[in-house]
Amino acid sequence: MRFLLVSNNRHKLEELQRILLPLGIEVVTAAQLGVSLDGIEETGDTFEKNAMIKAMAGFERTGLPSIADDSGLSVDVLGGRPGVYSARYGGEGATESQKNEKLLKELENVPDEHRTAKFVCCICCVINKNETVTARGECKGKIGFEQVGTNGFGYDPIFMVDENRSFAQLSDAEKDSISHRGNALKIFYNRISEYTEKTKKE
């Protein structure tokens, strides 16, 4: 069984290959198939909708079951922002550090107890026109008061998972064990396992 990953992110590809290979699923990218996924517009107002848009586009262009994910940071006191705009927060061309500084600036007068936030990851797999498998994972924490740590990317340096450490101060193994993406992948694996078992019996 071959599934398409709607991303050219090498880390995501290796991760899914490792997780799904025991189920007899080979994961490939559009680049490996010589197919373009350019022009997919993420117009959804939720992570779930954007993951679905990308997965459906992959299925429609290749005919293969297609997996996509969408993730971002949701800050409670900001009404869930930056949310689905996490990657574009701060304007076009803004660096990761600039995005973090923009968020810190917005929260500069907010006390610690009101800086609660969560990372969210939603995974969608469009198997065919009638069947989809979805999973959502979250990791709760707080927004710190400065950027700390270098072992991460995006909003990791300002996302505090305990009183003293940000996501960017955790080892890869520590982060994977509690991250929104790790949690979503665990749920996704269980649901895909159920699907493959079901298809074997049919």
N, C-alpha and C. Protein backbone atom coordinates (compact mmCIF):
# COMPACT_ATOMS: atom_id res chain seq x y z
N MET A 1 0.84 -1.18 0.00
CA MET A 1 0.00 0.00 0.00
C MET A 1 0.89 1.25 0.00
N ARG A 2 0.61 2.20 -0.87
CA ARG A 2 1.42 3.42 -0.97
C ARG A 2 0.59 4.65 -0.64
N PHE A 3 1.11 5.48 0.26
CA PHE A 3 0.45 6.73 0.64
C PHE A 3 1.34 7.91 0.24
N LEU A 4 0.70 9.00 -0.10
CA LEU A 4 1.41 10.23 -0.44
C LEU A 4 1.46 11.16 0.77
N LEU A 5 2.63 11.71 1.05
CA LEU A 5 2.76 12.76 2.05
C LEU A 5 2.73 14.10 1.32
N VAL A 6 1.76 14.94 1.67
CA VAL A 6 1.63 16.25 1.01
C VAL A 6 2.56 17.24 1.70
N SER A 7 3.83 17.01 1.53
CA SER A 7 4.89 17.86 2.08
C SER A 7 6.21 17.33 1.54
N ASN A 8 7.16 18.22 1.38
CA ASN A 8 8.51 17.79 0.99
C ASN A 8 9.47 17.87 2.17
N ASN A 9 8.89 17.99 3.38
CA ASN A 9 9.69 18.06 4.59
C ASN A 9 10.30 16.68 4.87
N ARG A 10 11.61 16.63 4.82
CA ARG A 10 12.31 15.35 4.96
C ARG A 10 12.07 14.72 6.33
N HIS A 11 12.04 15.55 7.37
CA HIS A 11 11.83 15.03 8.72
C HIS A 11 10.45 14.37 8.83
N LYS A 12 9.44 15.02 8.29
CA LYS A 12 8.09 14.46 8.33
C LYS A 12 8.02 13.15 7.55
N LEU A 13 8.70 13.11 6.41
CA LEU A 13 8.70 11.89 5.58
C LEU A 13 9.33 10.73 6.35
N GLU A 14 10.49 10.96 6.93
CA GLU A 14 11.19 9.90 7.66
C GLU A 14 10.36 9.43 8.85
N GLU A 15 9.70 10.39 9.51
CA GLU A 15 8.88 10.06 10.67
C GLU A 15 7.71 9.17 10.29
N LEU A 16 6.99 9.54 9.23
CA LEU A 16 5.84 8.75 8.79
C LEU A 16 6.27 7.41 8.22
N GLN A 17 7.39 7.38 7.50
CA GLN A 17 7.88 6.11 6.97
C GLN A 17 8.16 5.14 8.12
N ARG A 18 8.78 5.63 9.15
CA ARG A 18 9.13 4.80 10.30
C ARG A 18 7.87 4.29 11.01
N ILE A 19 6.87 5.14 11.14
CA ILE A 19 5.65 4.78 11.87
C ILE A 19 4.77 3.82 11.07
N LEU A 20 4.65 4.06 9.76
CA LEU A 20 3.68 3.32 8.96
C LEU A 20 4.23 2.08 8.27
N LEU A 21 5.55 1.95 8.16
CA LEU A 21 6.14 0.79 7.49
C LEU A 21 5.69 -0.53 8.11
N PRO A 22 5.62 -0.64 9.46
CA PRO A 22 5.16 -1.90 10.05
C PRO A 22 3.73 -2.29 9.65
N LEU A 23 2.97 -1.30 9.17
CA LEU A 23 1.59 -1.59 8.73
C LEU A 23 1.54 -1.93 7.24
N GLY A 24 2.72 -2.01 6.62
CA GLY A 24 2.77 -2.33 5.20
C GLY A 24 2.48 -1.14 4.30
N ILE A 25 2.67 0.08 4.86
CA ILE A 25 2.39 1.30 4.10
C ILE A 25 3.71 1.99 3.74
N GLU A 26 3.90 2.21 2.45
CA GLU A 26 5.06 2.96 1.96
C GLU A 26 4.64 4.42 1.79
N VAL A 27 5.41 5.34 2.34
CA VAL A 27 5.10 6.76 2.24
C VAL A 27 6.05 7.42 1.25
N VAL A 28 5.47 8.15 0.28
CA VAL A 28 6.28 8.83 -0.74
C VAL A 28 5.86 10.30 -0.81
N THR A 29 6.70 11.12 -1.43
CA THR A 29 6.37 12.53 -1.63
C THR A 29 6.01 12.77 -3.09
N ALA A 30 5.41 13.92 -3.35
CA ALA A 30 5.05 14.28 -4.73
C ALA A 30 6.31 14.41 -5.58
N ALA A 31 7.38 14.93 -4.99
CA ALA A 31 8.64 15.09 -5.73
C ALA A 31 9.16 13.74 -6.20
N GLN A 32 9.01 12.72 -5.37
CA GLN A 32 9.46 11.38 -5.76
C GLN A 32 8.62 10.81 -6.90
N LEU A 33 7.38 11.27 -6.99
CA LEU A 33 6.48 10.81 -8.05
C LEU A 33 6.55 11.68 -9.29
N GLY A 34 7.28 12.80 -9.20
CA GLY A 34 7.35 13.74 -10.32
C GLY A 34 6.07 14.52 -10.51
N VAL A 35 5.33 14.73 -9.40
CA VAL A 35 4.06 15.45 -9.45
C VAL A 35 4.22 16.78 -8.70
N SER A 36 3.59 17.83 -9.21
CA SER A 36 3.65 19.13 -8.54
C SER A 36 2.44 19.32 -7.63
N LEU A 37 2.72 19.84 -6.45
CA LEU A 37 1.64 20.20 -5.53
C LEU A 37 1.59 21.71 -5.33
N ASP A 38 2.15 22.44 -6.28
CA ASP A 38 2.13 23.90 -6.21
C ASP A 38 0.71 24.43 -6.30
N GLY A 39 0.49 25.57 -5.67
CA GLY A 39 -0.79 26.25 -5.84
C GLY A 39 -1.88 25.84 -4.87
N ILE A 40 -1.55 24.99 -3.90
CA ILE A 40 -2.57 24.62 -2.89
C ILE A 40 -2.72 25.78 -1.92
N GLU A 41 -3.90 26.34 -1.84
CA GLU A 41 -4.14 27.48 -0.95
C GLU A 41 -4.80 27.02 0.34
N GLU A 42 -4.15 27.34 1.45
CA GLU A 42 -4.68 26.97 2.77
C GLU A 42 -5.66 28.04 3.22
N THR A 43 -6.89 27.88 2.80
CA THR A 43 -7.92 28.91 3.06
C THR A 43 -8.82 28.57 4.25
N GLY A 44 -8.54 27.46 4.93
CA GLY A 44 -9.38 27.06 6.06
C GLY A 44 -9.19 27.95 7.27
N ASP A 45 -10.22 28.01 8.11
CA ASP A 45 -10.13 28.81 9.33
C ASP A 45 -9.83 27.96 10.56
N THR A 46 -9.54 26.67 10.34
CA THR A 46 -9.11 25.79 11.42
C THR A 46 -7.95 24.93 10.91
N PHE A 47 -7.19 24.36 11.83
CA PHE A 47 -6.10 23.46 11.45
C PHE A 47 -6.66 22.24 10.72
N GLU A 48 -7.80 21.74 11.19
CA GLU A 48 -8.42 20.56 10.57
C GLU A 48 -8.76 20.82 9.11
N LYS A 49 -9.35 21.99 8.84
CA LYS A 49 -9.76 22.30 7.46
C LYS A 49 -8.55 22.44 6.54
N ASN A 50 -7.49 23.06 7.02
CA ASN A 50 -6.30 23.22 6.19
C ASN A 50 -5.63 21.88 5.89
N ALA A 51 -5.60 21.00 6.89
CA ALA A 51 -5.04 19.66 6.67
C ALA A 51 -5.88 18.91 5.64
N MET A 52 -7.20 19.05 5.73
CA MET A 52 -8.09 18.40 4.77
C MET A 52 -7.89 18.95 3.35
N ILE A 53 -7.76 20.27 3.23
CA ILE A 53 -7.55 20.89 1.92
C ILE A 53 -6.30 20.32 1.25
N LYS A 54 -5.22 20.23 2.01
CA LYS A 54 -3.96 19.74 1.46
C LYS A 54 -4.04 18.25 1.11
N ALA A 55 -4.64 17.47 2.00
CA ALA A 55 -4.74 16.03 1.76
C ALA A 55 -5.64 15.74 0.56
N MET A 56 -6.74 16.47 0.43
CA MET A 56 -7.65 16.27 -0.71
C MET A 56 -6.97 16.65 -2.01
N ALA A 57 -6.18 17.73 -1.99
CA ALA A 57 -5.45 18.13 -3.20
C ALA A 57 -4.46 17.05 -3.62
N GLY A 58 -3.77 16.47 -2.65
CA GLY A 58 -2.83 15.40 -2.96
C GLY A 58 -3.53 14.20 -3.56
N PHE A 59 -4.69 13.83 -2.98
CA PHE A 59 -5.45 12.69 -3.50
C PHE A 59 -5.95 12.96 -4.92
N GLU A 60 -6.46 14.17 -5.15
CA GLU A 60 -7.01 14.50 -6.46
C GLU A 60 -5.94 14.53 -7.55
N ARG A 61 -4.72 14.91 -7.18
CA ARG A 61 -3.66 15.01 -8.19
C ARG A 61 -2.93 13.71 -8.44
N THR A 62 -3.00 12.77 -7.49
CA THR A 62 -2.24 11.53 -7.65
C THR A 62 -3.09 10.27 -7.61
N GLY A 63 -4.29 10.35 -7.01
CA GLY A 63 -5.11 9.16 -6.85
C GLY A 63 -4.68 8.28 -5.70
N LEU A 64 -3.61 8.68 -5.01
CA LEU A 64 -3.11 7.91 -3.87
C LEU A 64 -3.73 8.41 -2.57
N PRO A 65 -3.91 7.53 -1.59
CA PRO A 65 -4.27 8.01 -0.26
C PRO A 65 -3.25 9.06 0.15
N SER A 66 -3.71 10.19 0.66
CA SER A 66 -2.80 11.32 0.88
C SER A 66 -2.89 11.84 2.31
N ILE A 67 -1.71 12.08 2.90
CA ILE A 67 -1.61 12.54 4.28
C ILE A 67 -1.07 13.96 4.31
N ALA A 68 -1.72 14.82 5.09
CA ALA A 68 -1.24 16.19 5.28
C ALA A 68 -1.46 16.60 6.72
N ASP A 69 -0.70 17.58 7.16
CA ASP A 69 -0.92 18.08 8.50
C ASP A 69 -0.89 19.60 8.51
N ASP A 70 -1.47 20.18 9.52
CA ASP A 70 -1.41 21.62 9.74
C ASP A 70 -1.24 21.85 11.23
N SER A 71 -0.39 22.78 11.59
CA SER A 71 -0.13 22.98 13.00
C SER A 71 0.17 24.45 13.29
N GLY A 72 0.12 24.80 14.55
CA GLY A 72 0.41 26.18 14.93
C GLY A 72 0.23 26.39 16.41
N LEU A 73 0.39 27.63 16.80
CA LEU A 73 0.33 28.03 18.19
C LEU A 73 -0.95 28.81 18.46
N SER A 74 -1.61 28.48 19.54
CA SER A 74 -2.83 29.16 19.95
C SER A 74 -2.65 29.74 21.35
N VAL A 75 -2.76 31.08 21.45
CA VAL A 75 -2.57 31.76 22.74
C VAL A 75 -3.94 32.19 23.27
N ASP A 76 -4.27 31.75 24.47
CA ASP A 76 -5.61 31.96 25.02
C ASP A 76 -6.01 33.42 25.12
N VAL A 77 -5.15 34.25 25.68
CA VAL A 77 -5.50 35.65 25.91
C VAL A 77 -5.61 36.44 24.60
N LEU A 78 -5.09 35.87 23.52
CA LEU A 78 -5.21 36.50 22.20
C LEU A 78 -6.36 35.90 21.39
N GLY A 79 -7.24 35.18 22.05
CA GLY A 79 -8.39 34.59 21.36
C GLY A 79 -8.02 33.49 20.41
N GLY A 80 -6.88 32.82 20.68
CA GLY A 80 -6.45 31.71 19.83
C GLY A 80 -5.42 32.10 18.77
N ARG A 81 -5.13 33.38 18.66
CA ARG A 81 -4.09 33.78 17.70
C ARG A 81 -2.71 33.31 18.20
N PRO A 82 -1.76 33.13 17.28
CA PRO A 82 -1.84 33.33 15.82
C PRO A 82 -2.57 32.21 15.07
N GLY A 83 -2.78 31.07 15.72
CA GLY A 83 -3.61 30.01 15.13
C GLY A 83 -3.16 29.57 13.74
N VAL A 84 -4.11 29.52 12.81
CA VAL A 84 -3.80 29.04 11.45
C VAL A 84 -2.87 30.00 10.72
N TYR A 85 -2.65 31.17 11.28
CA TYR A 85 -1.73 32.14 10.66
C TYR A 85 -0.34 32.10 11.29
N SER A 86 -0.05 31.05 12.06
CA SER A 86 1.21 30.98 12.79
C SER A 86 2.43 31.15 11.89
N ALA A 87 2.40 30.50 10.74
CA ALA A 87 3.56 30.57 9.83
C ALA A 87 3.70 31.94 9.18
N ARG A 88 2.58 32.65 9.07
CA ARG A 88 2.60 33.95 8.38
C ARG A 88 2.54 35.12 9.35
N TYR A 89 2.59 34.83 10.63
CA TYR A 89 2.48 35.87 11.66
C TYR A 89 3.68 36.81 11.58
N GLY A 90 3.42 38.09 11.66
CA GLY A 90 4.52 39.04 11.60
C GLY A 90 4.73 39.63 10.23
N GLY A 91 3.97 39.12 9.24
CA GLY A 91 4.08 39.67 7.90
C GLY A 91 5.01 38.86 7.02
N GLU A 92 4.88 39.07 5.73
CA GLU A 92 5.68 38.34 4.75
C GLU A 92 7.15 38.64 4.93
N GLY A 93 7.94 37.57 4.95
CA GLY A 93 9.38 37.73 5.08
C GLY A 93 9.89 37.82 6.51
N ALA A 94 8.98 37.80 7.49
CA ALA A 94 9.41 37.89 8.89
C ALA A 94 10.18 36.63 9.28
N THR A 95 11.27 36.81 10.00
CA THR A 95 12.05 35.67 10.47
C THR A 95 11.35 35.04 11.67
N GLU A 96 11.79 33.84 12.05
CA GLU A 96 11.20 33.18 13.22
C GLU A 96 11.40 34.02 14.47
N SER A 97 12.57 34.61 14.59
CA SER A 97 12.85 35.46 15.75
C SER A 97 11.93 36.68 15.78
N GLN A 98 11.67 37.26 14.61
CA GLN A 98 10.79 38.43 14.53
C GLN A 98 9.35 38.07 14.89
N LYS A 99 8.91 36.88 14.48
CA LYS A 99 7.57 36.43 14.84
C LYS A 99 7.46 36.27 16.36
N ASN A 100 8.49 35.70 16.95
CA ASN A 100 8.49 35.52 18.40
C ASN A 100 8.48 36.87 19.12
N GLU A 101 9.27 37.81 18.63
CA GLU A 101 9.32 39.13 19.26
C GLU A 101 7.99 39.86 19.12
N LYS A 102 7.31 39.69 17.99
CA LYS A 102 6.00 40.31 17.80
C LYS A 102 5.01 39.76 18.85
N LEU A 103 5.04 38.45 19.04
CA LEU A 103 4.14 37.83 20.01
C LEU A 103 4.47 38.28 21.44
N LEU A 104 5.74 38.32 21.75
CA LEU A 104 6.15 38.78 23.08
C LEU A 104 5.73 40.22 23.32
N LYS A 105 5.82 41.04 22.29
CA LYS A 105 5.42 42.44 22.40
C LYS A 105 3.93 42.55 22.70
N GLU A 106 3.12 41.71 22.06
CA GLU A 106 1.68 41.72 22.29
C GLU A 106 1.33 41.31 23.72
N LEU A 107 2.21 40.53 24.32
CA LEU A 107 1.93 40.00 25.65
C LEU A 107 2.75 40.69 26.75
N GLU A 108 3.40 41.79 26.43
CA GLU A 108 4.36 42.37 27.37
C GLU A 108 3.73 42.80 28.70
N ASN A 109 2.45 43.13 28.72
CA ASN A 109 1.80 43.53 29.97
C ASN A 109 0.90 42.45 30.56
N VAL A 110 1.00 41.25 30.00
CA VAL A 110 0.16 40.13 30.46
C VAL A 110 0.92 39.33 31.52
N PRO A 111 0.35 39.15 32.71
CA PRO A 111 1.03 38.40 33.78
C PRO A 111 1.12 36.91 33.45
N ASP A 112 2.03 36.26 34.14
CA ASP A 112 2.33 34.84 33.88
C ASP A 112 1.10 33.95 33.88
N GLU A 113 0.20 34.17 34.83
CA GLU A 113 -0.96 33.27 34.96
C GLU A 113 -1.94 33.37 33.78
N HIS A 114 -1.81 34.42 32.98
CA HIS A 114 -2.70 34.59 31.83
C HIS A 114 -1.99 34.37 30.49
N ARG A 115 -0.81 33.76 30.54
CA ARG A 115 -0.03 33.55 29.30
C ARG A 115 -0.16 32.11 28.79
N THR A 116 -1.25 31.44 29.16
CA THR A 116 -1.46 30.05 28.75
C THR A 116 -1.62 29.94 27.24
N ALA A 117 -1.11 28.84 26.71
CA ALA A 117 -1.14 28.63 25.26
C ALA A 117 -1.05 27.13 24.97
N LYS A 118 -1.24 26.78 23.73
CA LYS A 118 -1.06 25.39 23.33
C LYS A 118 -0.60 25.31 21.89
N PHE A 119 0.20 24.32 21.61
CA PHE A 119 0.55 23.96 20.24
C PHE A 119 -0.48 22.92 19.79
N VAL A 120 -0.92 23.04 18.55
CA VAL A 120 -1.92 22.12 17.99
C VAL A 120 -1.40 21.54 16.68
N CYS A 121 -1.61 20.25 16.48
CA CYS A 121 -1.28 19.61 15.21
C CYS A 121 -2.47 18.75 14.77
N CYS A 122 -2.92 18.95 13.55
CA CYS A 122 -4.01 18.15 12.99
C CYS A 122 -3.51 17.41 11.76
N ILE A 123 -3.76 16.12 11.72
CA ILE A 123 -3.36 15.27 10.60
C ILE A 123 -4.61 14.76 9.91
N CYS A 124 -4.59 14.79 8.60
CA CYS A 124 -5.71 14.26 7.81
C CYS A 124 -5.18 13.33 6.73
N CYS A 125 -5.80 12.19 6.58
CA CYS A 125 -5.46 11.27 5.49
C CYS A 125 -6.73 11.02 4.68
N VAL A 126 -6.73 11.46 3.44
CA VAL A 126 -7.83 11.18 2.52
C VAL A 126 -7.50 9.86 1.82
N ILE A 127 -8.21 8.81 2.20
CA ILE A 127 -7.94 7.49 1.65
C ILE A 127 -8.60 7.33 0.28
N ASN A 128 -9.83 7.78 0.19
CA ASN A 128 -10.54 7.82 -1.10
C ASN A 128 -11.63 8.87 -0.97
N LYS A 129 -12.52 8.95 -1.94
CA LYS A 129 -13.54 10.00 -1.93
C LYS A 129 -14.51 9.88 -0.77
N ASN A 130 -14.58 8.70 -0.19
CA ASN A 130 -15.56 8.48 0.88
C ASN A 130 -14.97 8.24 2.26
N GLU A 131 -13.65 8.08 2.34
CA GLU A 131 -13.04 7.73 3.62
C GLU A 131 -11.88 8.66 3.97
N THR A 132 -11.90 9.16 5.18
CA THR A 132 -10.78 9.95 5.69
C THR A 132 -10.46 9.49 7.11
N VAL A 133 -9.21 9.66 7.48
CA VAL A 133 -8.75 9.37 8.84
C VAL A 133 -8.11 10.65 9.37
N THR A 134 -8.55 11.11 10.54
CA THR A 134 -8.02 12.35 11.09
C THR A 134 -7.54 12.14 12.53
N ALA A 135 -6.65 13.02 12.96
CA ALA A 135 -6.15 12.98 14.33
C ALA A 135 -5.73 14.39 14.74
N ARG A 136 -5.94 14.71 16.01
CA ARG A 136 -5.56 16.02 16.55
C ARG A 136 -4.76 15.82 17.83
N GLY A 137 -3.63 16.48 17.91
CA GLY A 137 -2.81 16.41 19.11
C GLY A 137 -2.53 17.81 19.64
N GLU A 138 -2.42 17.93 20.95
CA GLU A 138 -2.15 19.23 21.57
C GLU A 138 -1.04 19.09 22.61
N CYS A 139 -0.36 20.19 22.86
CA CYS A 139 0.60 20.27 23.95
C CYS A 139 0.39 21.62 24.62
N LYS A 140 0.04 21.59 25.91
CA LYS A 140 -0.27 22.82 26.62
C LYS A 140 0.96 23.36 27.35
N GLY A 141 1.04 24.69 27.43
CA GLY A 141 2.15 25.35 28.11
C GLY A 141 1.83 26.81 28.33
N LYS A 142 2.88 27.62 28.40
CA LYS A 142 2.73 29.06 28.56
C LYS A 142 3.72 29.78 27.66
N ILE A 143 3.42 31.03 27.36
CA ILE A 143 4.36 31.86 26.63
C ILE A 143 5.29 32.53 27.64
N GLY A 144 6.60 32.38 27.43
CA GLY A 144 7.58 32.96 28.33
C GLY A 144 7.70 34.46 28.13
N PHE A 145 8.74 35.03 28.71
CA PHE A 145 8.95 36.47 28.63
C PHE A 145 10.13 36.84 27.74
N GLU A 146 10.85 35.82 27.25
CA GLU A 146 11.96 36.04 26.33
C GLU A 146 12.24 34.75 25.57
N GLN A 147 13.02 34.85 24.52
CA GLN A 147 13.39 33.68 23.74
C GLN A 147 14.55 32.97 24.44
N VAL A 148 14.37 31.67 24.70
CA VAL A 148 15.44 30.89 25.33
C VAL A 148 15.56 29.52 24.66
N GLY A 149 16.80 29.07 24.48
CA GLY A 149 17.05 27.76 23.89
C GLY A 149 17.32 27.84 22.40
N THR A 150 18.08 26.87 21.91
CA THR A 150 18.46 26.85 20.49
C THR A 150 18.09 25.55 19.80
N ASN A 151 17.59 24.57 20.54
CA ASN A 151 17.27 23.27 19.93
C ASN A 151 15.81 23.22 19.52
N GLY A 152 15.47 24.05 18.56
CA GLY A 152 14.08 24.09 18.12
C GLY A 152 13.90 25.04 16.98
N PHE A 153 12.67 25.28 16.62
CA PHE A 153 12.36 26.20 15.51
C PHE A 153 11.01 26.85 15.79
N GLY A 154 10.65 27.80 14.95
CA GLY A 154 9.35 28.45 15.11
C GLY A 154 9.21 29.12 16.47
N TYR A 155 8.11 28.80 17.14
CA TYR A 155 7.81 29.42 18.44
C TYR A 155 8.40 28.65 19.62
N ASP A 156 9.20 27.64 19.35
CA ASP A 156 9.77 26.82 20.42
C ASP A 156 10.49 27.63 21.50
N PRO A 157 11.27 28.68 21.14
CA PRO A 157 12.02 29.40 22.17
C PRO A 157 11.17 30.18 23.17
N ILE A 158 9.89 30.41 22.86
CA ILE A 158 9.06 31.17 23.80
C ILE A 158 7.94 30.31 24.40
N PHE A 159 7.86 29.04 24.00
CA PHE A 159 6.81 28.16 24.52
C PHE A 159 7.36 27.36 25.69
N MET A 160 6.91 27.71 26.88
CA MET A 160 7.42 27.08 28.11
C MET A 160 6.58 25.87 28.48
N VAL A 161 7.25 24.74 28.64
CA VAL A 161 6.53 23.51 29.00
C VAL A 161 6.59 23.23 30.49
N ASP A 162 7.51 23.89 31.18
CA ASP A 162 7.49 23.88 32.64
C ASP A 162 8.01 25.25 33.10
N GLU A 163 8.27 25.40 34.37
CA GLU A 163 8.63 26.72 34.90
C GLU A 163 9.96 27.23 34.36
N ASN A 164 10.83 26.31 33.96
CA ASN A 164 12.19 26.72 33.64
C ASN A 164 12.65 26.43 32.21
N ARG A 165 11.88 25.63 31.47
CA ARG A 165 12.38 25.22 30.15
C ARG A 165 11.36 25.48 29.03
N SER A 166 11.91 25.92 27.90
CA SER A 166 11.10 26.10 26.70
C SER A 166 11.23 24.85 25.83
N PHE A 167 10.38 24.76 24.82
CA PHE A 167 10.49 23.66 23.85
C PHE A 167 11.89 23.61 23.25
N ALA A 168 12.50 24.78 23.08
CA ALA A 168 13.82 24.85 22.44
C ALA A 168 14.95 24.44 23.38
N GLN A 169 14.61 24.12 24.62
CA GLN A 169 15.62 23.65 25.57
C GLN A 169 15.49 22.15 25.83
N LEU A 170 14.54 21.51 25.20
CA LEU A 170 14.36 20.07 25.36
C LEU A 170 15.19 19.31 24.33
N SER A 171 15.55 18.08 24.66
CA SER A 171 16.17 17.21 23.67
C SER A 171 15.10 16.79 22.67
N ASP A 172 15.52 16.29 21.52
CA ASP A 172 14.55 15.84 20.51
C ASP A 172 13.63 14.76 21.08
N ALA A 173 14.22 13.83 21.85
CA ALA A 173 13.44 12.73 22.42
C ALA A 173 12.42 13.25 23.43
N GLU A 174 12.83 14.22 24.25
CA GLU A 174 11.91 14.80 25.24
C GLU A 174 10.76 15.51 24.54
N LYS A 175 11.09 16.26 23.51
CA LYS A 175 10.06 17.00 22.78
C LYS A 175 9.09 16.05 22.09
N ASP A 176 9.62 15.03 21.43
CA ASP A 176 8.76 14.08 20.72
C ASP A 176 7.78 13.39 21.65
N SER A 177 8.19 13.17 22.90
CA SER A 177 7.35 12.42 23.84
C SER A 177 6.14 13.21 24.32
N ILE A 178 6.21 14.55 24.22
CA ILE A 178 5.09 15.37 24.73
C ILE A 178 4.50 16.31 23.69
N SER A 179 5.12 16.42 22.52
CA SER A 179 4.71 17.44 21.56
C SER A 179 3.34 17.19 20.96
N HIS A 180 2.74 18.25 20.45
CA HIS A 180 1.46 18.17 19.77
C HIS A 180 1.54 17.23 18.57
N ARG A 181 2.65 17.31 17.84
CA ARG A 181 2.82 16.44 16.67
C ARG A 181 2.98 14.98 17.09
N GLY A 182 3.77 14.77 18.15
CA GLY A 182 3.93 13.41 18.65
C GLY A 182 2.60 12.82 19.11
N ASN A 183 1.81 13.62 19.81
CA ASN A 183 0.50 13.16 20.28
C ASN A 183 -0.44 12.87 19.12
N ALA A 184 -0.43 13.74 18.10
CA ALA A 184 -1.29 13.52 16.94
C ALA A 184 -0.88 12.26 16.19
N LEU A 185 0.42 12.03 16.07
CA LEU A 185 0.90 10.85 15.34
C LEU A 185 0.54 9.55 16.05
N LYS A 186 0.54 9.56 17.38
CA LYS A 186 0.14 8.36 18.13
C LYS A 186 -1.32 8.02 17.83
N ILE A 187 -2.18 9.04 17.86
CA ILE A 187 -3.60 8.83 17.58
C ILE A 187 -3.78 8.38 16.13
N PHE A 188 -3.06 9.05 15.22
CA PHE A 188 -3.15 8.73 13.79
C PHE A 188 -2.74 7.28 13.54
N TYR A 189 -1.65 6.86 14.16
CA TYR A 189 -1.18 5.48 13.98
C TYR A 189 -2.26 4.48 14.41
N ASN A 190 -2.87 4.73 15.56
CA ASN A 190 -3.91 3.81 16.04
C ASN A 190 -5.10 3.75 15.08
N ARG A 191 -5.48 4.90 14.54
CA ARG A 191 -6.65 4.93 13.63
C ARG A 191 -6.33 4.32 12.28
N ILE A 192 -5.11 4.54 11.79
CA ILE A 192 -4.71 3.91 10.52
C ILE A 192 -4.58 2.40 10.72
N SER A 193 -4.11 1.98 11.87
CA SER A 193 -4.01 0.54 12.19
C SER A 193 -5.38 -0.11 12.12
N GLU A 194 -6.37 0.58 12.70
CA GLU A 194 -7.74 0.06 12.66
C GLU A 194 -8.23 -0.05 11.23
N TYR A 195 -7.89 0.95 10.40
CA TYR A 195 -8.31 0.93 9.00
C TYR A 195 -7.68 -0.24 8.24
N THR A 196 -6.38 -0.43 8.42
CA THR A 196 -5.69 -1.51 7.68
C THR A 196 -6.19 -2.88 8.13
N GLU A 197 -6.50 -3.02 9.41
CA GLU A 197 -7.05 -4.28 9.90
C GLU A 197 -8.41 -4.55 9.29
N LYS A 198 -9.21 -3.49 9.18
CA LYS A 198 -10.55 -3.60 8.61
C LYS A 198 -10.47 -4.02 7.15
N THR A 199 -9.55 -3.43 6.39
CA THR A 199 -9.45 -3.73 4.96
C THR A 199 -8.96 -5.16 4.72
N LYS A 200 -8.16 -5.68 5.66
CA LYS A 200 -7.68 -7.06 5.52
C LYS A 200 -8.83 -8.04 5.64
N LYS A 201 -9.82 -7.68 6.45
CA LYS A 201 -10.95 -8.59 6.69
C LYS A 201 -12.01 -8.52 5.60
N GLU A 202 -11.96 -7.43 4.82
CA GLU A 202 -13.00 -7.25 3.78
C GLU A 202 -12.68 -8.06 2.53
